[in-house]
Amino acid sequence: MSRPRAAGAADSRCPSCAAPVLAQWVGDRAALRITADLTPLTPEQQAAVRTPNRLIWCLVQTRHGTPRLRWLSRWHPPDCPHRHVTEHRCTAAPTTLF
């Protein structure tokens, strides 16, 4: 069961592979639902997984302890102190049909 961490956010585990993930609505007017892996990526790993359909996210920890995903735009500072993560893509086979 996921635990609410912030408005529209929950950190939990993937039901198929049990990887730790963060699910959150992001963007203007919360337009996009993202489920991100919580494993931080090195700059080399970010370059390897980045595609037009797979974005990299900055995982900002607020002063109240709530994690927030922010998209890495081209204006993102290269020396950002926060962890960078990507969209979760489960590789486990589904265990049920429905």
PDB file of N, CA and C in Angstrom:
ATOM      1  N   MET A   1       0.850  -1.186   0.000  1.00  0.00           N
ATOM      2  CA  MET A   1       0.000   0.000   0.000  1.00  0.00           C
ATOM      3  C   MET A   1       0.885   1.235   0.000  1.00  0.00           C
ATOM      4  N   SER A   2       0.550   2.206  -0.835  1.00  0.00           N
ATOM      5  CA  SER A   2       1.367   3.408  -0.902  1.00  0.00           C
ATOM      6  C   SER A   2       0.989   4.364   0.221  1.00  0.00           C
ATOM      7  N   ARG A   3       1.941   5.179   0.590  1.00  0.00           N
ATOM      8  CA  ARG A   3       1.754   6.157   1.643  1.00  0.00           C
ATOM      9  C   ARG A   3       1.769   7.546   1.029  1.00  0.00           C
ATOM     10  N   PRO A   4       0.747   8.369   1.191  1.00  0.00           N
ATOM     11  CA  PRO A   4       0.768   9.711   0.626  1.00  0.00           C
ATOM     12  C   PRO A   4       1.917  10.524   1.201  1.00  0.00           C
ATOM     13  N   ARG A   5       2.658  11.218   0.337  1.00  0.00           N
ATOM     14  CA  ARG A   5       3.787  12.022   0.775  1.00  0.00           C
ATOM     15  C   ARG A   5       3.553  13.503   0.497  1.00  0.00           C
ATOM     16  N   ALA A   6       2.826  13.811  -0.532  1.00  0.00           N
ATOM     17  CA  ALA A   6       2.510  15.188  -0.890  1.00  0.00           C
ATOM     18  C   ALA A   6       1.259  15.130  -1.744  1.00  0.00           C
ATOM     19  N   ALA A   7       0.701  16.269  -2.021  1.00  0.00           N
ATOM     20  CA  ALA A   7      -0.498  16.280  -2.861  1.00  0.00           C
ATOM     21  C   ALA A   7      -0.181  15.631  -4.198  1.00  0.00           C
ATOM     22  N   GLY A   8      -0.845  14.542  -4.495  1.00  0.00           N
ATOM     23  CA  GLY A   8      -0.635  13.868  -5.771  1.00  0.00           C
ATOM     24  C   GLY A   8       0.591  12.996  -5.819  1.00  0.00           C
ATOM     25  N   ALA A   9       1.247  12.727  -4.715  1.00  0.00           N
ATOM     26  CA  ALA A   9       2.470  11.930  -4.727  1.00  0.00           C
ATOM     27  C   ALA A   9       2.344  10.750  -3.785  1.00  0.00           C
ATOM     28  N   ALA A  10       2.967   9.669  -4.166  1.00  0.00           N
ATOM     29  CA  ALA A  10       3.019   8.499  -3.297  1.00  0.00           C
ATOM     30  C   ALA A  10       4.310   7.763  -3.587  1.00  0.00           C
ATOM     31  N   ASP A  11       5.012   7.370  -2.548  1.00  0.00           N
ATOM     32  CA  ASP A  11       6.155   6.511  -2.821  1.00  0.00           C
ATOM     33  C   ASP A  11       5.759   5.115  -2.392  1.00  0.00           C
ATOM     34  N   SER A  12       6.084   4.177  -3.242  1.00  0.00           N
ATOM     35  CA  SER A  12       5.654   2.811  -3.016  1.00  0.00           C
ATOM     36  C   SER A  12       6.547   1.882  -3.805  1.00  0.00           C
ATOM     37  N   ARG A  13       6.078   0.693  -4.052  1.00  0.00           N
ATOM     38  CA  ARG A  13       6.822  -0.287  -4.840  1.00  0.00           C
ATOM     39  C   ARG A  13       5.987  -0.681  -6.051  1.00  0.00           C
ATOM     40  N   CYS A  14       6.682  -1.011  -7.131  1.00  0.00           N
ATOM     41  CA  CYS A  14       6.008  -1.490  -8.334  1.00  0.00           C
ATOM     42  C   CYS A  14       5.329  -2.815  -8.005  1.00  0.00           C
ATOM     43  N   PRO A  15       4.061  -2.977  -8.379  1.00  0.00           N
ATOM     44  CA  PRO A  15       3.368  -4.220  -8.045  1.00  0.00           C
ATOM     45  C   PRO A  15       3.928  -5.445  -8.761  1.00  0.00           C
ATOM     46  N   SER A  16       4.644  -5.262  -9.870  1.00  0.00           N
ATOM     47  CA  SER A  16       5.182  -6.410 -10.610  1.00  0.00           C
ATOM     48  C   SER A  16       6.599  -6.788 -10.203  1.00  0.00           C
ATOM     49  N   CYS A  17       7.478  -5.767 -10.067  1.00  0.00           N
ATOM     50  CA  CYS A  17       8.891  -6.081  -9.807  1.00  0.00           C
ATOM     51  C   CYS A  17       9.362  -5.647  -8.422  1.00  0.00           C
ATOM     52  N   ALA A  18       8.525  -4.964  -7.664  1.00  0.00           N
ATOM     53  CA  ALA A  18       8.809  -4.505  -6.296  1.00  0.00           C
ATOM     54  C   ALA A  18       9.910  -3.446  -6.222  1.00  0.00           C
ATOM     55  N   ALA A  19      10.234  -2.807  -7.344  1.00  0.00           N
ATOM     56  CA  ALA A  19      11.218  -1.719  -7.332  1.00  0.00           C
ATOM     57  C   ALA A  19      10.611  -0.511  -6.625  1.00  0.00           C
ATOM     58  N   PRO A  20      11.405   0.239  -5.851  1.00  0.00           N
ATOM     59  CA  PRO A  20      10.877   1.447  -5.221  1.00  0.00           C
ATOM     60  C   PRO A  20      10.592   2.504  -6.286  1.00  0.00           C
ATOM     61  N   VAL A  21       9.388   3.071  -6.261  1.00  0.00           N
ATOM     62  CA  VAL A  21       8.974   4.072  -7.245  1.00  0.00           C
ATOM     63  C   VAL A  21       8.263   5.232  -6.554  1.00  0.00           C
ATOM     64  N   LEU A  22       8.183   6.344  -7.270  1.00  0.00           N
ATOM     65  CA  LEU A  22       7.432   7.513  -6.822  1.00  0.00           C
ATOM     66  C   LEU A  22       6.433   7.833  -7.922  1.00  0.00           C
ATOM     67  N   ALA A  23       5.144   7.848  -7.598  1.00  0.00           N
ATOM     68  CA  ALA A  23       4.096   8.186  -8.563  1.00  0.00           C
ATOM     69  C   ALA A  23       3.586   9.577  -8.235  1.00  0.00           C
ATOM     70  N   GLN A  24       3.505  10.429  -9.276  1.00  0.00           N
ATOM     71  CA  GLN A  24       3.155  11.823  -9.020  1.00  0.00           C
ATOM     72  C   GLN A  24       2.593  12.478 -10.279  1.00  0.00           C
ATOM     73  N   TRP A  25       1.635  13.392 -10.105  1.00  0.00           N
ATOM     74  CA  TRP A  25       1.169  14.234 -11.199  1.00  0.00           C
ATOM     75  C   TRP A  25       2.120  15.408 -11.304  1.00  0.00           C
ATOM     76  N   VAL A  26       2.607  15.713 -12.507  1.00  0.00           N
ATOM     77  CA  VAL A  26       3.551  16.820 -12.702  1.00  0.00           C
ATOM     78  C   VAL A  26       3.105  17.687 -13.870  1.00  0.00           C
ATOM     79  N   GLY A  27       3.707  18.841 -13.987  1.00  0.00           N
ATOM     80  CA  GLY A  27       3.427  19.743 -15.099  1.00  0.00           C
ATOM     81  C   GLY A  27       2.382  20.772 -14.743  1.00  0.00           C
ATOM     82  N   ASP A  28       2.162  21.682 -15.684  1.00  0.00           N
ATOM     83  CA  ASP A  28       1.140  22.705 -15.500  1.00  0.00           C
ATOM     84  C   ASP A  28      -0.220  22.045 -15.348  1.00  0.00           C
ATOM     85  N   ARG A  29      -0.903  22.393 -14.303  1.00  0.00           N
ATOM     86  CA  ARG A  29      -2.216  21.827 -13.986  1.00  0.00           C
ATOM     87  C   ARG A  29      -2.166  20.309 -13.835  1.00  0.00           C
ATOM     88  N   ALA A  30      -1.017  19.790 -13.396  1.00  0.00           N
ATOM     89  CA  ALA A  30      -0.835  18.354 -13.161  1.00  0.00           C
ATOM     90  C   ALA A  30      -1.311  17.546 -14.366  1.00  0.00           C
ATOM     91  N   ALA A  31      -0.699  17.797 -15.491  1.00  0.00           N
ATOM     92  CA  ALA A  31      -1.149  17.232 -16.753  1.00  0.00           C
ATOM     93  C   ALA A  31      -0.581  15.854 -17.066  1.00  0.00           C
ATOM     94  N   LEU A  32       0.464  15.428 -16.370  1.00  0.00           N
ATOM     95  CA  LEU A  32       1.145  14.189 -16.729  1.00  0.00           C
ATOM     96  C   LEU A  32       1.368  13.337 -15.483  1.00  0.00           C
ATOM     97  N   ARG A  33       0.958  12.082 -15.547  1.00  0.00           N
ATOM     98  CA  ARG A  33       1.158  11.150 -14.425  1.00  0.00           C
ATOM     99  C   ARG A  33       2.473  10.417 -14.662  1.00  0.00           C
ATOM    100  N   ILE A  34       3.392  10.547 -13.717  1.00  0.00           N
ATOM    101  CA  ILE A  34       4.716   9.942 -13.831  1.00  0.00           C
ATOM    102  C   ILE A  34       4.911   8.936 -12.715  1.00  0.00           C
ATOM    103  N   THR A  35       5.446   7.784 -13.055  1.00  0.00           N
ATOM    104  CA  THR A  35       5.923   6.806 -12.075  1.00  0.00           C
ATOM    105  C   THR A  35       7.410   6.684 -12.326  1.00  0.00           C
ATOM    106  N   ALA A  36       8.205   7.148 -11.373  1.00  0.00           N
ATOM    107  CA  ALA A  36       9.653   7.212 -11.546  1.00  0.00           C
ATOM    108  C   ALA A  36      10.357   6.242 -10.616  1.00  0.00           C
ATOM    109  N   ASP A  37      11.455   5.668 -11.118  1.00  0.00           N
ATOM    110  CA  ASP A  37      12.332   4.859 -10.276  1.00  0.00           C
ATOM    111  C   ASP A  37      12.994   5.773  -9.264  1.00  0.00           C
ATOM    112  N   LEU A  38      13.272   5.279  -8.077  1.00  0.00           N
ATOM    113  CA  LEU A  38      13.941   6.092  -7.065  1.00  0.00           C
ATOM    114  C   LEU A  38      15.455   5.877  -7.059  1.00  0.00           C
ATOM    115  N   THR A  39      15.961   5.033  -7.948  1.00  0.00           N
ATOM    116  CA  THR A  39      17.395   4.807  -8.051  1.00  0.00           C
ATOM    117  C   THR A  39      18.014   5.971  -8.814  1.00  0.00           C
ATOM    118  N   PRO A  40      18.963   6.704  -8.197  1.00  0.00           N
ATOM    119  CA  PRO A  40      19.571   7.837  -8.886  1.00  0.00           C
ATOM    120  C   PRO A  40      20.446   7.378 -10.053  1.00  0.00           C
ATOM    121  N   LEU A  41      20.507   8.223 -11.090  1.00  0.00           N
ATOM    122  CA  LEU A  41      21.295   7.926 -12.276  1.00  0.00           C
ATOM    123  C   LEU A  41      22.532   8.815 -12.335  1.00  0.00           C
ATOM    124  N   THR A  42      23.637   8.253 -12.812  1.00  0.00           N
ATOM    125  CA  THR A  42      24.838   9.044 -13.074  1.00  0.00           C
ATOM    126  C   THR A  42      24.604   9.820 -14.374  1.00  0.00           C
ATOM    127  N   PRO A  43      25.410  10.849 -14.666  1.00  0.00           N
ATOM    128  CA  PRO A  43      25.249  11.557 -15.941  1.00  0.00           C
ATOM    129  C   PRO A  43      25.367  10.627 -17.159  1.00  0.00           C
ATOM    130  N   GLU A  44      26.224   9.632 -17.089  1.00  0.00           N
ATOM    131  CA  GLU A  44      26.384   8.685 -18.193  1.00  0.00           C
ATOM    132  C   GLU A  44      25.123   7.837 -18.365  1.00  0.00           C
ATOM    133  N   GLN A  45      24.549   7.396 -17.257  1.00  0.00           N
ATOM    134  CA  GLN A  45      23.306   6.615 -17.322  1.00  0.00           C
ATOM    135  C   GLN A  45      22.160   7.470 -17.854  1.00  0.00           C
ATOM    136  N   GLN A  46      22.120   8.739 -17.476  1.00  0.00           N
ATOM    137  CA  GLN A  46      21.084   9.645 -17.974  1.00  0.00           C
ATOM    138  C   GLN A  46      21.165   9.770 -19.491  1.00  0.00           C
ATOM    139  N   ALA A  47      22.368   9.931 -20.014  1.00  0.00           N
ATOM    140  CA  ALA A  47      22.543  10.049 -21.467  1.00  0.00           C
ATOM    141  C   ALA A  47      22.128   8.760 -22.172  1.00  0.00           C
ATOM    142  N   ALA A  48      22.383   7.616 -21.548  1.00  0.00           N
ATOM    143  CA  ALA A  48      22.073   6.327 -22.167  1.00  0.00           C
ATOM    144  C   ALA A  48      20.570   6.051 -22.215  1.00  0.00           C
ATOM    145  N   VAL A  49      19.813   6.466 -21.201  1.00  0.00           N
ATOM    146  CA  VAL A  49      18.381   6.147 -21.157  1.00  0.00           C
ATOM    147  C   VAL A  49      17.496   7.247 -21.731  1.00  0.00           C
ATOM    148  N   ARG A  50      18.045   8.450 -21.921  1.00  0.00           N
ATOM    149  CA  ARG A  50      17.221   9.567 -22.401  1.00  0.00           C
ATOM    150  C   ARG A  50      16.826   9.337 -23.865  1.00  0.00           C
ATOM    151  N   THR A  51      15.551   9.407 -24.118  1.00  0.00           N
ATOM    152  CA  THR A  51      14.997   9.330 -25.468  1.00  0.00           C
ATOM    153  C   THR A  51      13.842  10.329 -25.522  1.00  0.00           C
ATOM    154  N   PRO A  52      13.294  10.581 -26.693  1.00  0.00           N
ATOM    155  CA  PRO A  52      12.123  11.493 -26.722  1.00  0.00           C
ATOM    156  C   PRO A  52      10.954  10.986 -25.881  1.00  0.00           C
ATOM    157  N   ASN A  53      10.857   9.683 -25.682  1.00  0.00           N
ATOM    158  CA  ASN A  53       9.737   9.132 -24.919  1.00  0.00           C
ATOM    159  C   ASN A  53      10.122   8.725 -23.503  1.00  0.00           C
ATOM    160  N   ARG A  54      11.333   9.006 -23.090  1.00  0.00           N
ATOM    161  CA  ARG A  54      11.761   8.673 -21.725  1.00  0.00           C
ATOM    162  C   ARG A  54      12.546   9.845 -21.154  1.00  0.00           C
ATOM    163  N   LEU A  55      11.901  10.578 -20.282  1.00  0.00           N
ATOM    164  CA  LEU A  55      12.491  11.792 -19.736  1.00  0.00           C
ATOM    165  C   LEU A  55      13.260  11.515 -18.454  1.00  0.00           C
ATOM    166  N   ILE A  56      14.150  12.430 -18.128  1.00  0.00           N
ATOM    167  CA  ILE A  56      14.893  12.394 -16.869  1.00  0.00           C
ATOM    168  C   ILE A  56      14.253  13.432 -15.956  1.00  0.00           C
ATOM    169  N   TRP A  57      14.116  13.081 -14.691  1.00  0.00           N
ATOM    170  CA  TRP A  57      13.465  13.949 -13.709  1.00  0.00           C
ATOM    171  C   TRP A  57      14.422  14.281 -12.585  1.00  0.00           C
ATOM    172  N   CYS A  58      14.324  15.502 -12.070  1.00  0.00           N
ATOM    173  CA  CYS A  58      15.083  15.940 -10.903  1.00  0.00           C
ATOM    174  C   CYS A  58      14.196  15.666  -9.692  1.00  0.00           C
ATOM    175  N   LEU A  59      14.699  14.899  -8.743  1.00  0.00           N
ATOM    176  CA  LEU A  59      13.935  14.549  -7.548  1.00  0.00           C
ATOM    177  C   LEU A  59      14.337  15.505  -6.433  1.00  0.00           C
ATOM    178  N   VAL A  60      13.541  16.538  -6.268  1.00  0.00           N
ATOM    179  CA  VAL A  60      13.818  17.594  -5.294  1.00  0.00           C
ATOM    180  C   VAL A  60      13.199  17.219  -3.964  1.00  0.00           C
ATOM    181  N   GLN A  61      13.975  17.286  -2.910  1.00  0.00           N
ATOM    182  CA  GLN A  61      13.479  17.038  -1.557  1.00  0.00           C
ATOM    183  C   GLN A  61      13.224  18.398  -0.921  1.00  0.00           C
ATOM    184  N   THR A  62      11.968  18.701  -0.604  1.00  0.00           N
ATOM    185  CA  THR A  62      11.638  20.002  -0.035  1.00  0.00           C
ATOM    186  C   THR A  62      12.060  20.081   1.432  1.00  0.00           C
ATOM    187  N   ARG A  63      11.990  21.251   1.985  1.00  0.00           N
ATOM    188  CA  ARG A  63      12.406  21.415   3.384  1.00  0.00           C
ATOM    189  C   ARG A  63      11.474  20.688   4.344  1.00  0.00           C
ATOM    190  N   HIS A  64      10.274  20.348   3.883  1.00  0.00           N
ATOM    191  CA  HIS A  64       9.339  19.577   4.704  1.00  0.00           C
ATOM    192  C   HIS A  64       9.481  18.086   4.479  1.00  0.00           C
ATOM    193  N   GLY A  65      10.426  17.682   3.629  1.00  0.00           N
ATOM    194  CA  GLY A  65      10.689  16.275   3.419  1.00  0.00           C
ATOM    195  C   GLY A  65       9.867  15.604   2.338  1.00  0.00           C
ATOM    196  N   THR A  66       9.044  16.364   1.605  1.00  0.00           N
ATOM    197  CA  THR A  66       8.232  15.761   0.553  1.00  0.00           C
ATOM    198  C   THR A  66       8.985  15.788  -0.772  1.00  0.00           C
ATOM    199  N   PRO A  67       9.148  14.634  -1.425  1.00  0.00           N
ATOM    200  CA  PRO A  67       9.849  14.611  -2.709  1.00  0.00           C
ATOM    201  C   PRO A  67       8.960  15.133  -3.830  1.00  0.00           C
ATOM    202  N   ARG A  68       9.540  15.894  -4.753  1.00  0.00           N
ATOM    203  CA  ARG A  68       8.811  16.440  -5.899  1.00  0.00           C
ATOM    204  C   ARG A  68       9.631  16.184  -7.159  1.00  0.00           C
ATOM    205  N   LEU A  69       8.968  15.708  -8.205  1.00  0.00           N
ATOM    206  CA  LEU A  69       9.630  15.492  -9.487  1.00  0.00           C
ATOM    207  C   LEU A  69       9.568  16.776 -10.304  1.00  0.00           C
ATOM    208  N   ARG A  70      10.716  17.149 -10.876  1.00  0.00           N
ATOM    209  CA  ARG A  70      10.777  18.291 -11.787  1.00  0.00           C
ATOM    210  C   ARG A  70      11.492  17.840 -13.045  1.00  0.00           C
ATOM    211  N   TRP A  71      10.941  18.224 -14.180  1.00  0.00           N
ATOM    212  CA  TRP A  71      11.511  17.832 -15.454  1.00  0.00           C
ATOM    213  C   TRP A  71      12.869  18.490 -15.656  1.00  0.00           C
ATOM    214  N   LEU A  72      13.835  17.752 -16.198  1.00  0.00           N
ATOM    215  CA  LEU A  72      15.148  18.305 -16.517  1.00  0.00           C
ATOM    216  C   LEU A  72      15.068  18.999 -17.868  1.00  0.00           C
ATOM    217  N   SER A  73      14.928  20.292 -17.844  1.00  0.00           N
ATOM    218  CA  SER A  73      14.880  21.068 -19.078  1.00  0.00           C
ATOM    219  C   SER A  73      16.311  21.403 -19.499  1.00  0.00           C
ATOM    220  N   ARG A  74      16.443  22.034 -20.639  1.00  0.00           N
ATOM    221  CA  ARG A  74      17.800  22.401 -21.085  1.00  0.00           C
ATOM    222  C   ARG A  74      18.396  23.500 -20.228  1.00  0.00           C
ATOM    223  N   TRP A  75      17.568  24.150 -19.397  1.00  0.00           N
ATOM    224  CA  TRP A  75      18.062  25.202 -18.507  1.00  0.00           C
ATOM    225  C   TRP A  75      18.416  24.668 -17.131  1.00  0.00           C
ATOM    226  N   HIS A  76      18.312  23.381 -16.939  1.00  0.00           N
ATOM    227  CA  HIS A  76      18.611  22.781 -15.633  1.00  0.00           C
ATOM    228  C   HIS A  76      20.099  22.954 -15.330  1.00  0.00           C
ATOM    229  N   PRO A  77      20.461  23.385 -14.107  1.00  0.00           N
ATOM    230  CA  PRO A  77      21.881  23.609 -13.801  1.00  0.00           C
ATOM    231  C   PRO A  77      22.686  22.307 -13.841  1.00  0.00           C
ATOM    232  N   PRO A  78      23.866  22.331 -14.459  1.00  0.00           N
ATOM    233  CA  PRO A  78      24.682  21.116 -14.559  1.00  0.00           C
ATOM    234  C   PRO A  78      25.197  20.624 -13.201  1.00  0.00           C
ATOM    235  N   ASP A  79      25.256  21.493 -12.211  1.00  0.00           N
ATOM    236  CA  ASP A  79      25.762  21.103 -10.893  1.00  0.00           C
ATOM    237  C   ASP A  79      24.624  20.929  -9.882  1.00  0.00           C
ATOM    238  N   CYS A  80      23.477  20.512 -10.351  1.00  0.00           N
ATOM    239  CA  CYS A  80      22.293  20.319  -9.509  1.00  0.00           C
ATOM    240  C   CYS A  80      22.622  19.320  -8.388  1.00  0.00           C
ATOM    241  N   PRO A  81      22.293  19.646  -7.127  1.00  0.00           N
ATOM    242  CA  PRO A  81      22.620  18.754  -6.012  1.00  0.00           C
ATOM    243  C   PRO A  81      21.608  17.628  -5.794  1.00  0.00           C
ATOM    244  N   HIS A  82      20.499  17.652  -6.526  1.00  0.00           N
ATOM    245  CA  HIS A  82      19.442  16.658  -6.319  1.00  0.00           C
ATOM    246  C   HIS A  82      19.686  15.399  -7.145  1.00  0.00           C
ATOM    247  N   ARG A  83      19.022  14.309  -6.722  1.00  0.00           N
ATOM    248  CA  ARG A  83      19.097  13.051  -7.468  1.00  0.00           C
ATOM    249  C   ARG A  83      18.316  13.190  -8.770  1.00  0.00           C
ATOM    250  N   HIS A  84      18.808  12.540  -9.811  1.00  0.00           N
ATOM    251  CA  HIS A  84      18.107  12.507 -11.094  1.00  0.00           C
ATOM    252  C   HIS A  84      17.658  11.075 -11.351  1.00  0.00           C
ATOM    253  N   VAL A  85      16.384  10.930 -11.724  1.00  0.00           N
ATOM    254  CA  VAL A  85      15.771   9.614 -11.905  1.00  0.00           C
ATOM    255  C   VAL A  85      15.047   9.586 -13.242  1.00  0.00           C
ATOM    256  N   THR A  86      14.608   8.417 -13.652  1.00  0.00           N
ATOM    257  CA  THR A  86      13.873   8.292 -14.904  1.00  0.00           C
ATOM    258  C   THR A  86      12.565   7.551 -14.680  1.00  0.00           C
ATOM    259  N   GLU A  87      11.737   7.595 -15.690  1.00  0.00           N
ATOM    260  CA  GLU A  87      10.448   6.913 -15.670  1.00  0.00           C
ATOM    261  C   GLU A  87      10.658   5.414 -15.439  1.00  0.00           C
ATOM    262  N   HIS A  88       9.798   4.830 -14.630  1.00  0.00           N
ATOM    263  CA  HIS A  88       9.909   3.395 -14.349  1.00  0.00           C
ATOM    264  C   HIS A  88       9.412   2.594 -15.543  1.00  0.00           C
ATOM    265  N   ARG A  89      10.208   1.653 -15.959  1.00  0.00           N
ATOM    266  CA  ARG A  89       9.819   0.706 -17.008  1.00  0.00           C
ATOM    267  C   ARG A  89      10.030  -0.682 -16.444  1.00  0.00           C
ATOM    268  N   CYS A  90       8.956  -1.306 -16.055  1.00  0.00           N
ATOM    269  CA  CYS A  90       9.015  -2.606 -15.416  1.00  0.00           C
ATOM    270  C   CYS A  90       9.391  -3.671 -16.435  1.00  0.00           C
ATOM    271  N   THR A  91      10.339  -4.521 -16.053  1.00  0.00           N
ATOM    272  CA  THR A  91      10.773  -5.602 -16.938  1.00  0.00           C
ATOM    273  C   THR A  91      10.207  -6.946 -16.494  1.00  0.00           C
ATOM    274  N   ALA A  92       9.516  -6.977 -15.367  1.00  0.00           N
ATOM    275  CA  ALA A  92       8.951  -8.231 -14.874  1.00  0.00           C
ATOM    276  C   ALA A  92       7.717  -8.599 -15.701  1.00  0.00           C
ATOM    277  N   ALA A  93       7.535  -9.873 -15.900  1.00  0.00           N
ATOM    278  CA  ALA A  93       6.341 -10.351 -16.604  1.00  0.00           C
ATOM    279  C   ALA A  93       5.121 -10.161 -15.715  1.00  0.00           C
ATOM    280  N   PRO A  94       3.989  -9.767 -16.277  1.00  0.00           N
ATOM    281  CA  PRO A  94       2.781  -9.609 -15.449  1.00  0.00           C
ATOM    282  C   PRO A  94       2.392 -10.939 -14.806  1.00  0.00           C
ATOM    283  N   THR A  95       1.907 -10.865 -13.583  1.00  0.00           N
ATOM    284  CA  THR A  95       1.536 -12.077 -12.862  1.00  0.00           C
ATOM    285  C   THR A  95       0.064 -12.402 -13.000  1.00  0.00           C
ATOM    286  N   THR A  96      -0.739 -11.441 -13.468  1.00  0.00           N
ATOM    287  CA  THR A  96      -2.160 -11.686 -13.664  1.00  0.00           C
ATOM    288  C   THR A  96      -2.593 -11.131 -15.013  1.00  0.00           C
ATOM    289  N   LEU A  97      -3.737 -11.545 -15.490  1.00  0.00           N
ATOM    290  CA  LEU A  97      -4.245 -11.035 -16.756  1.00  0.00           C
ATOM    291  C   LEU A  97      -5.015  -9.742 -16.593  1.00  0.00           C
ATOM    292  N   PHE A  98      -5.587  -9.507 -15.423  1.00  0.00           N
ATOM    293  CA  PHE A  98      -6.395  -8.314 -15.209  1.00  0.00           C
ATOM    294  C   PHE A  98      -5.944  -7.579 -13.996  1.00  0.00           C
TER     295      PHE A  98
END
